[in-house]
PDB file of N, CA and C in Angstrom:
ATOM      1  N   MET A   1      -2.070  -0.477  13.381  1.00  0.00           N
ATOM      2  CA  MET A   1      -2.542  -0.860  14.677  1.00  0.00           C
ATOM      3  C   MET A   1      -3.352   0.321  15.207  1.00  0.00           C
ATOM      4  N   TYR A   2      -4.484   0.020  15.840  1.00  0.00           N
ATOM      5  CA  TYR A   2      -5.369   1.057  16.348  1.00  0.00           C
ATOM      6  C   TYR A   2      -5.612   0.894  17.842  1.00  0.00           C
ATOM      7  N   LEU A   3      -5.733   2.009  18.527  1.00  0.00           N
ATOM      8  CA  LEU A   3      -6.215   2.042  19.901  1.00  0.00           C
ATOM      9  C   LEU A   3      -7.687   2.406  19.811  1.00  0.00           C
ATOM     10  N   VAL A   4      -8.548   1.553  20.373  1.00  0.00           N
ATOM     11  CA  VAL A   4      -9.999   1.726  20.261  1.00  0.00           C
ATOM     12  C   VAL A   4     -10.595   1.883  21.648  1.00  0.00           C
ATOM     13  N   GLU A   5     -11.496   2.838  21.789  1.00  0.00           N
ATOM     14  CA  GLU A   5     -12.212   3.029  23.048  1.00  0.00           C
ATOM     15  C   GLU A   5     -13.161   1.863  23.258  1.00  0.00           C
ATOM     16  N   ARG A   6     -13.027   1.204  24.384  1.00  0.00           N
ATOM     17  CA  ARG A   6     -13.787  -0.013  24.636  1.00  0.00           C
ATOM     18  C   ARG A   6     -15.293   0.206  24.635  1.00  0.00           C
ATOM     19  N   SER A   7     -15.767   1.252  25.268  1.00  0.00           N
ATOM     20  CA  SER A   7     -17.220   1.443  25.420  1.00  0.00           C
ATOM     21  C   SER A   7     -17.914   1.849  24.120  1.00  0.00           C
ATOM     22  N   SER A   8     -17.249   2.639  23.292  1.00  0.00           N
ATOM     23  CA  SER A   8     -17.903   3.137  22.080  1.00  0.00           C
ATOM     24  C   SER A   8     -17.430   2.450  20.798  1.00  0.00           C
ATOM     25  N   GLY A   9     -16.242   1.856  20.845  1.00  0.00           N
ATOM     26  CA  GLY A   9     -15.671   1.269  19.641  1.00  0.00           C
ATOM     27  C   GLY A   9     -15.016   2.293  18.723  1.00  0.00           C
ATOM     28  N   ASN A  10     -14.946   3.552  19.181  1.00  0.00           N
ATOM     29  CA  ASN A  10     -14.329   4.613  18.376  1.00  0.00           C
ATOM     30  C   ASN A  10     -12.813   4.488  18.379  1.00  0.00           C
ATOM     31  N   LYS A  11     -12.208   4.734  17.217  1.00  0.00           N
ATOM     32  CA  LYS A  11     -10.754   4.735  17.096  1.00  0.00           C
ATOM     33  C   LYS A  11     -10.206   5.987  17.767  1.00  0.00           C
ATOM     34  N   VAL A  12      -9.262   5.795  18.686  1.00  0.00           N
ATOM     35  CA  VAL A  12      -8.645   6.896  19.420  1.00  0.00           C
ATOM     36  C   VAL A  12      -7.305   7.285  18.796  1.00  0.00           C
ATOM     37  N   MET A  13      -6.528   6.268  18.363  1.00  0.00           N
ATOM     38  CA  MET A  13      -5.196   6.528  17.840  1.00  0.00           C
ATOM     39  C   MET A  13      -4.833   5.430  16.847  1.00  0.00           C
ATOM     40  N   GLU A  14      -4.070   5.816  15.825  1.00  0.00           N
ATOM     41  CA  GLU A  14      -3.523   4.856  14.872  1.00  0.00           C
ATOM     42  C   GLU A  14      -2.002   4.907  14.973  1.00  0.00           C
ATOM     43  N   TYR A  15      -1.371   3.749  15.116  1.00  0.00           N
ATOM     44  CA  TYR A  15       0.080   3.668  15.238  1.00  0.00           C
ATOM     45  C   TYR A  15       0.670   3.204  13.911  1.00  0.00           C
ATOM     46  N   ARG A  16       1.693   3.923  13.436  1.00  0.00           N
ATOM     47  CA  ARG A  16       2.280   3.674  12.122  1.00  0.00           C
ATOM     48  C   ARG A  16       3.755   3.319  12.244  1.00  0.00           C
ATOM     49  N   GLY A  17       4.251   2.623  11.221  1.00  0.00           N
ATOM     50  CA  GLY A  17       5.682   2.382  11.121  1.00  0.00           C
ATOM     51  C   GLY A  17       6.049   0.918  11.085  1.00  0.00           C
ATOM     52  N   HIS A  18       5.463   0.122  11.945  1.00  0.00           N
ATOM     53  CA  HIS A  18       5.784  -1.304  11.941  1.00  0.00           C
ATOM     54  C   HIS A  18       5.104  -1.975  10.749  1.00  0.00           C
ATOM     55  N   GLN A  19       5.581  -3.160  10.387  1.00  0.00           N
ATOM     56  CA  GLN A  19       5.062  -3.878   9.230  1.00  0.00           C
ATOM     57  C   GLN A  19       4.390  -5.177   9.669  1.00  0.00           C
ATOM     58  N   ILE A  20       3.267  -5.483   9.037  1.00  0.00           N
ATOM     59  CA  ILE A  20       2.533  -6.705   9.346  1.00  0.00           C
ATOM     60  C   ILE A  20       2.769  -7.776   8.277  1.00  0.00           C
ATOM     61  N   ASN A  21       2.596  -7.419   7.009  1.00  0.00           N
ATOM     62  CA  ASN A  21       2.838  -8.324   5.875  1.00  0.00           C
ATOM     63  C   ASN A  21       2.170  -9.695   6.023  1.00  0.00           C
ATOM     64  N   ASN A  22       0.893  -9.709   6.368  1.00  0.00           N
ATOM     65  CA  ASN A  22       0.104 -10.944   6.514  1.00  0.00           C
ATOM     66  C   ASN A  22       0.572 -11.856   7.641  1.00  0.00           C
ATOM     67  N   HIS A  23       1.283 -11.321   8.626  1.00  0.00           N
ATOM     68  CA  HIS A  23       1.706 -12.087   9.805  1.00  0.00           C
ATOM     69  C   HIS A  23       0.841 -11.672  10.992  1.00  0.00           C
ATOM     70  N   SER A  24       0.746 -12.542  11.950  1.00  0.00           N
ATOM     71  CA  SER A  24       0.111 -12.215  13.220  1.00  0.00           C
ATOM     72  C   SER A  24       1.185 -11.605  14.114  1.00  0.00           C
ATOM     73  N   ILE A  25       1.064 -10.323  14.385  1.00  0.00           N
ATOM     74  CA  ILE A  25       2.056  -9.593  15.175  1.00  0.00           C
ATOM     75  C   ILE A  25       1.418  -9.179  16.495  1.00  0.00           C
ATOM     76  N   ASN A  26       2.084  -9.500  17.592  1.00  0.00           N
ATOM     77  CA  ASN A  26       1.576  -9.214  18.921  1.00  0.00           C
ATOM     78  C   ASN A  26       1.991  -7.811  19.360  1.00  0.00           C
ATOM     79  N   CYS A  27       1.163  -7.193  20.177  1.00  0.00           N
ATOM     80  CA  CYS A  27       1.521  -5.920  20.803  1.00  0.00           C
ATOM     81  C   CYS A  27       1.076  -5.957  22.256  1.00  0.00           C
ATOM     82  N   LYS A  28       1.696  -5.145  23.082  1.00  0.00           N
ATOM     83  CA  LYS A  28       1.380  -5.081  24.514  1.00  0.00           C
ATOM     84  C   LYS A  28       1.563  -3.664  25.010  1.00  0.00           C
ATOM     85  N   PHE A  29       0.811  -3.309  26.045  1.00  0.00           N
ATOM     86  CA  PHE A  29       1.009  -2.058  26.763  1.00  0.00           C
ATOM     87  C   PHE A  29       2.036  -2.289  27.865  1.00  0.00           C
ATOM     88  N   ASN A  30       2.775  -1.221  28.217  1.00  0.00           N
ATOM     89  CA  ASN A  30       3.625  -1.342  29.393  1.00  0.00           C
ATOM     90  C   ASN A  30       2.730  -1.323  30.628  1.00  0.00           C
ATOM     91  N   LEU A  31       3.296  -1.536  31.805  1.00  0.00           N
ATOM     92  CA  LEU A  31       2.483  -1.676  33.022  1.00  0.00           C
ATOM     93  C   LEU A  31       1.740  -0.397  33.400  1.00  0.00           C
ATOM     94  N   GLN A  32       2.246   0.763  32.976  1.00  0.00           N
ATOM     95  CA  GLN A  32       1.593   2.034  33.280  1.00  0.00           C
ATOM     96  C   GLN A  32       0.621   2.460  32.187  1.00  0.00           C
ATOM     97  N   ASP A  33       0.476   1.665  31.137  1.00  0.00           N
ATOM     98  CA  ASP A  33      -0.379   1.997  29.988  1.00  0.00           C
ATOM     99  C   ASP A  33       0.014   3.305  29.311  1.00  0.00           C
ATOM    100  N   SER A  34       1.305   3.640  29.333  1.00  0.00           N
ATOM    101  CA  SER A  34       1.765   4.875  28.691  1.00  0.00           C
ATOM    102  C   SER A  34       2.489   4.606  27.370  1.00  0.00           C
ATOM    103  N   TYR A  35       2.881   3.364  27.129  1.00  0.00           N
ATOM    104  CA  TYR A  35       3.554   2.968  25.891  1.00  0.00           C
ATOM    105  C   TYR A  35       2.922   1.696  25.341  1.00  0.00           C
ATOM    106  N   VAL A  36       3.016   1.554  24.025  1.00  0.00           N
ATOM    107  CA  VAL A  36       2.605   0.329  23.347  1.00  0.00           C
ATOM    108  C   VAL A  36       3.841  -0.252  22.680  1.00  0.00           C
ATOM    109  N   TYR A  37       4.089  -1.534  22.907  1.00  0.00           N
ATOM    110  CA  TYR A  37       5.205  -2.243  22.291  1.00  0.00           C
ATOM    111  C   TYR A  37       4.655  -3.123  21.183  1.00  0.00           C
ATOM    112  N   SER A  38       5.327  -3.150  20.045  1.00  0.00           N
ATOM    113  CA  SER A  38       4.887  -3.985  18.930  1.00  0.00           C
ATOM    114  C   SER A  38       6.075  -4.628  18.244  1.00  0.00           C
ATOM    115  N   GLY A  39       5.886  -5.853  17.805  1.00  0.00           N
ATOM    116  CA  GLY A  39       6.849  -6.486  16.922  1.00  0.00           C
ATOM    117  C   GLY A  39       6.579  -6.013  15.511  1.00  0.00           C
ATOM    118  N   SER A  40       7.352  -6.540  14.569  1.00  0.00           N
ATOM    119  CA  SER A  40       7.191  -6.128  13.179  1.00  0.00           C
ATOM    120  C   SER A  40       7.738  -7.204  12.247  1.00  0.00           C
ATOM    121  N   ALA A  41       7.189  -7.245  11.048  1.00  0.00           N
ATOM    122  CA  ALA A  41       7.672  -8.192  10.036  1.00  0.00           C
ATOM    123  C   ALA A  41       9.104  -7.885   9.609  1.00  0.00           C
ATOM    124  N   ASP A  42       9.575  -6.666   9.847  1.00  0.00           N
ATOM    125  CA  ASP A  42      10.956  -6.315   9.489  1.00  0.00           C
ATOM    126  C   ASP A  42      11.961  -6.673  10.592  1.00  0.00           C
ATOM    127  N   GLY A  43      11.504  -7.360  11.653  1.00  0.00           N
ATOM    128  CA  GLY A  43      12.382  -7.756  12.750  1.00  0.00           C
ATOM    129  C   GLY A  43      12.613  -6.669  13.774  1.00  0.00           C
ATOM    130  N   GLY A  44      11.880  -5.571  13.653  1.00  0.00           N
ATOM    131  CA  GLY A  44      12.037  -4.459  14.581  1.00  0.00           C
ATOM    132  C   GLY A  44      11.120  -4.570  15.784  1.00  0.00           C
ATOM    133  N   PHE A  45      11.558  -3.958  16.877  1.00  0.00           N
ATOM    134  CA  PHE A  45      10.764  -3.824  18.097  1.00  0.00           C
ATOM    135  C   PHE A  45      10.388  -2.349  18.183  1.00  0.00           C
ATOM    136  N   TYR A  46       9.101  -2.042  18.069  1.00  0.00           N
ATOM    137  CA  TYR A  46       8.616  -0.668  17.981  1.00  0.00           C
ATOM    138  C   TYR A  46       8.004  -0.249  19.309  1.00  0.00           C
ATOM    139  N   ILE A  47       8.398   0.944  19.767  1.00  0.00           N
ATOM    140  CA  ILE A  47       7.882   1.501  21.012  1.00  0.00           C
ATOM    141  C   ILE A  47       7.138   2.792  20.672  1.00  0.00           C
ATOM    142  N   TYR A  48       5.864   2.835  21.052  1.00  0.00           N
ATOM    143  CA  TYR A  48       5.013   3.998  20.783  1.00  0.00           C
ATOM    144  C   TYR A  48       4.564   4.632  22.087  1.00  0.00           C
ATOM    145  N   ASP A  49       4.666   5.961  22.176  1.00  0.00           N
ATOM    146  CA  ASP A  49       3.960   6.705  23.216  1.00  0.00           C
ATOM    147  C   ASP A  49       2.483   6.512  22.903  1.00  0.00           C
ATOM    148  N   ILE A  50       1.681   6.213  23.893  1.00  0.00           N
ATOM    149  CA  ILE A  50       0.280   5.872  23.653  1.00  0.00           C
ATOM    150  C   ILE A  50      -0.492   6.979  22.923  1.00  0.00           C
ATOM    151  N   MET A  51      -0.020   8.218  23.020  1.00  0.00           N
ATOM    152  CA  MET A  51      -0.735   9.332  22.405  1.00  0.00           C
ATOM    153  C   MET A  51      -0.069   9.866  21.135  1.00  0.00           C
ATOM    154  N   LYS A  52       0.899   9.115  20.575  1.00  0.00           N
ATOM    155  CA  LYS A  52       1.579   9.556  19.349  1.00  0.00           C
ATOM    156  C   LYS A  52       1.548   8.441  18.309  1.00  0.00           C
ATOM    157  N   SER A  53       1.325   8.800  17.072  1.00  0.00           N
ATOM    158  CA  SER A  53       1.184   7.823  15.992  1.00  0.00           C
ATOM    159  C   SER A  53       2.498   7.182  15.565  1.00  0.00           C
ATOM    160  N   ASP A  54       3.577   7.940  15.623  1.00  0.00           N
ATOM    161  CA  ASP A  54       4.866   7.432  15.168  1.00  0.00           C
ATOM    162  C   ASP A  54       5.666   6.877  16.345  1.00  0.00           C
ATOM    163  N   PRO A  55       6.501   5.872  16.107  1.00  0.00           N
ATOM    164  CA  PRO A  55       7.259   5.282  17.212  1.00  0.00           C
ATOM    165  C   PRO A  55       8.247   6.272  17.822  1.00  0.00           C
ATOM    166  N   VAL A  56       8.427   6.173  19.132  1.00  0.00           N
ATOM    167  CA  VAL A  56       9.435   6.987  19.809  1.00  0.00           C
ATOM    168  C   VAL A  56      10.788   6.304  19.742  1.00  0.00           C
ATOM    169  N   LYS A  57      10.785   4.975  19.504  1.00  0.00           N
ATOM    170  CA  LYS A  57      12.034   4.232  19.393  1.00  0.00           C
ATOM    171  C   LYS A  57      11.783   2.953  18.598  1.00  0.00           C
ATOM    172  N   VAL A  58      12.755   2.595  17.774  1.00  0.00           N
ATOM    173  CA  VAL A  58      12.715   1.339  17.021  1.00  0.00           C
ATOM    174  C   VAL A  58      14.045   0.641  17.235  1.00  0.00           C
ATOM    175  N   LEU A  59      13.986  -0.608  17.695  1.00  0.00           N
ATOM    176  CA  LEU A  59      15.182  -1.411  17.887  1.00  0.00           C
ATOM    177  C   LEU A  59      15.189  -2.521  16.849  1.00  0.00           C
ATOM    178  N   LYS A  60      16.250  -2.625  16.072  1.00  0.00           N
ATOM    179  CA  LYS A  60      16.385  -3.730  15.127  1.00  0.00           C
ATOM    180  C   LYS A  60      16.831  -4.946  15.932  1.00  0.00           C
ATOM    181  N   VAL A  61      15.966  -5.941  16.035  1.00  0.00           N
ATOM    182  CA  VAL A  61      16.199  -7.072  16.916  1.00  0.00           C
ATOM    183  C   VAL A  61      16.575  -8.339  16.158  1.00  0.00           C
ATOM    184  N   SER A  62      15.916  -8.575  15.032  1.00  0.00           N
ATOM    185  CA  SER A  62      16.076  -9.849  14.337  1.00  0.00           C
ATOM    186  C   SER A  62      16.022  -9.628  12.830  1.00  0.00           C
ATOM    187  N   ASP A  63      16.488 -10.606  12.088  1.00  0.00           N
ATOM    188  CA  ASP A  63      16.305 -10.604  10.641  1.00  0.00           C
ATOM    189  C   ASP A  63      15.007 -11.302  10.253  1.00  0.00           C
ATOM    190  N   LYS A  64      14.335 -11.885  11.221  1.00  0.00           N
ATOM    191  CA  LYS A  64      13.066 -12.593  11.018  1.00  0.00           C
ATOM    192  C   LYS A  64      11.925 -11.759  11.585  1.00  0.00           C
ATOM    193  N   VAL A  65      10.709 -12.185  11.308  1.00  0.00           N
ATOM    194  CA  VAL A  65       9.518 -11.516  11.833  1.00  0.00           C
ATOM    195  C   VAL A  65       9.546 -11.575  13.357  1.00  0.00           C
ATOM    196  N   LEU A  66       9.429 -10.436  14.006  1.00  0.00           N
ATOM    197  CA  LEU A  66       9.342 -10.373  15.465  1.00  0.00           C
ATOM    198  C   LEU A  66       7.861 -10.329  15.812  1.00  0.00           C
ATOM    199  N   SER A  67       7.338 -11.452  16.257  1.00  0.00           N
ATOM    200  CA  SER A  67       5.887 -11.569  16.355  1.00  0.00           C
ATOM    201  C   SER A  67       5.347 -11.680  17.767  1.00  0.00           C
ATOM    202  N   ALA A  68       6.136 -12.112  18.727  1.00  0.00           N
ATOM    203  CA  ALA A  68       5.634 -12.333  20.084  1.00  0.00           C
ATOM    204  C   ALA A  68       6.223 -11.299  21.026  1.00  0.00           C
ATOM    205  N   ILE A  69       5.355 -10.640  21.782  1.00  0.00           N
ATOM    206  CA  ILE A  69       5.777  -9.632  22.761  1.00  0.00           C
ATOM    207  C   ILE A  69       5.043  -9.921  24.064  1.00  0.00           C
ATOM    208  N   ASP A  70       5.749  -9.839  25.189  1.00  0.00           N
ATOM    209  CA  ASP A  70       5.094  -9.927  26.485  1.00  0.00           C
ATOM    210  C   ASP A  70       5.802  -8.986  27.445  1.00  0.00           C
ATOM    211  N   VAL A  71       5.060  -8.458  28.408  1.00  0.00           N
ATOM    212  CA  VAL A  71       5.573  -7.491  29.372  1.00  0.00           C
ATOM    213  C   VAL A  71       5.205  -7.970  30.766  1.00  0.00           C
ATOM    214  N   SER A  72       6.187  -7.936  31.676  1.00  0.00           N
ATOM    215  CA  SER A  72       5.927  -8.330  33.056  1.00  0.00           C
ATOM    216  C   SER A  72       6.896  -7.600  33.968  1.00  0.00           C
ATOM    217  N   GLU A  73       6.369  -6.832  34.909  1.00  0.00           N
ATOM    218  CA  GLU A  73       7.172  -6.143  35.928  1.00  0.00           C
ATOM    219  C   GLU A  73       8.359  -5.380  35.352  1.00  0.00           C
ATOM    220  N   GLY A  74       8.124  -4.623  34.288  1.00  0.00           N
ATOM    221  CA  GLY A  74       9.170  -3.806  33.698  1.00  0.00           C
ATOM    222  C   GLY A  74      10.111  -4.554  32.782  1.00  0.00           C
ATOM    223  N   LYS A  75       9.849  -5.828  32.541  1.00  0.00           N
ATOM    224  CA  LYS A  75      10.664  -6.637  31.647  1.00  0.00           C
ATOM    225  C   LYS A  75       9.884  -6.908  30.375  1.00  0.00           C
ATOM    226  N   VAL A  76      10.575  -6.922  29.257  1.00  0.00           N
ATOM    227  CA  VAL A  76       9.951  -7.194  27.966  1.00  0.00           C
ATOM    228  C   VAL A  76      10.642  -8.403  27.357  1.00  0.00           C
ATOM    229  N   ILE A  77       9.839  -9.349  26.891  1.00  0.00           N
ATOM    230  CA  ILE A  77      10.353 -10.519  26.186  1.00  0.00           C
ATOM    231  C   ILE A  77       9.740 -10.529  24.805  1.00  0.00           C
ATOM    232  N   ALA A  78      10.557 -10.736  23.784  1.00  0.00           N
ATOM    233  CA  ALA A  78      10.072 -10.798  22.408  1.00  0.00           C
ATOM    234  C   ALA A  78      10.616 -12.062  21.758  1.00  0.00           C
ATOM    235  N   GLY A  79       9.836 -12.602  20.824  1.00  0.00           N
ATOM    236  CA  GLY A  79      10.269 -13.797  20.117  1.00  0.00           C
ATOM    237  C   GLY A  79      10.092 -13.640  18.622  1.00  0.00           C
ATOM    238  N   ASP A  80      11.006 -14.249  17.849  1.00  0.00           N
ATOM    239  CA  ASP A  80      10.888 -14.165  16.402  1.00  0.00           C
ATOM    240  C   ASP A  80      10.398 -15.490  15.820  1.00  0.00           C
ATOM    241  N   HIS A  81      10.232 -15.536  14.508  1.00  0.00           N
ATOM    242  CA  HIS A  81       9.687 -16.713  13.842  1.00  0.00           C
ATOM    243  C   HIS A  81      10.647 -17.903  13.838  1.00  0.00           C
ATOM    244  N   ASP A  82      11.905 -17.715  14.225  1.00  0.00           N
ATOM    245  CA  ASP A  82      12.836 -18.834  14.364  1.00  0.00           C
ATOM    246  C   ASP A  82      12.830 -19.410  15.766  1.00  0.00           C
ATOM    247  N   GLY A  83      12.024 -18.832  16.649  1.00  0.00           N
ATOM    248  CA  GLY A  83      11.942 -19.312  18.030  1.00  0.00           C
ATOM    249  C   GLY A  83      12.956 -18.696  18.968  1.00  0.00           C
ATOM    250  N   LYS A  84      13.733 -17.729  18.514  1.00  0.00           N
ATOM    251  CA  LYS A  84      14.694 -17.045  19.373  1.00  0.00           C
ATOM    252  C   LYS A  84      13.959 -16.059  20.281  1.00  0.00           C
ATOM    253  N   LEU A  85      14.414 -15.954  21.520  1.00  0.00           N
ATOM    254  CA  LEU A  85      13.837 -15.019  22.473  1.00  0.00           C
ATOM    255  C   LEU A  85      14.809 -13.889  22.760  1.00  0.00           C
ATOM    256  N   TYR A  86      14.271 -12.680  22.935  1.00  0.00           N
ATOM    257  CA  TYR A  86      15.050 -11.485  23.248  1.00  0.00           C
ATOM    258  C   TYR A  86      14.472 -10.877  24.499  1.00  0.00           C
ATOM    259  N   TYR A  87      15.322 -10.376  25.382  1.00  0.00           N
ATOM    260  CA  TYR A  87      14.904  -9.924  26.696  1.00  0.00           C
ATOM    261  C   TYR A  87      15.464  -8.536  26.983  1.00  0.00           C
ATOM    262  N   TRP A  88      14.610  -7.659  27.495  1.00  0.00           N
ATOM    263  CA  TRP A  88      15.032  -6.327  27.932  1.00  0.00           C
ATOM    264  C   TRP A  88      14.486  -6.087  29.320  1.00  0.00           C
ATOM    265  N   LYS A  89      15.266  -5.396  30.111  1.00  0.00           N
ATOM    266  CA  LYS A  89      14.793  -4.952  31.418  1.00  0.00           C
ATOM    267  C   LYS A  89      14.889  -3.445  31.430  1.00  0.00           C
ATOM    268  N   LYS A  90      13.786  -2.801  31.696  1.00  0.00           N
ATOM    269  CA  LYS A  90      13.753  -1.335  31.680  1.00  0.00           C
ATOM    270  C   LYS A  90      14.366  -0.779  32.930  1.00  0.00           C
TER     271      LYS A  90
END
C-alpha cells in the first residue's frame, strides 16, 4: 500500500506487513489523518503511523480475509469475507 502525493503523484510512503493475495482490501485514514487502518488477507487489522512503513499494531480479528474498513467519529468498523462485522471504539 502506498501513500501518494495528490498534486505530483510521487510516492511518499510504502506500508508493509498486511497481505493482499489478489483480494480487494480496503484502507482508511483516521479522522486526524495520523494513522492508516488496513484489513488483510490473513484476517488481521493493521494500524500504521502515517509516517512509518511498518505497522504500530496488528490485531488478529478473523480467520477470513478482513477486507472492509470504515472510520467514523473515532469508531472503526471492519468486515470479513463471511459478512461478520467487528467494531472498535477508540
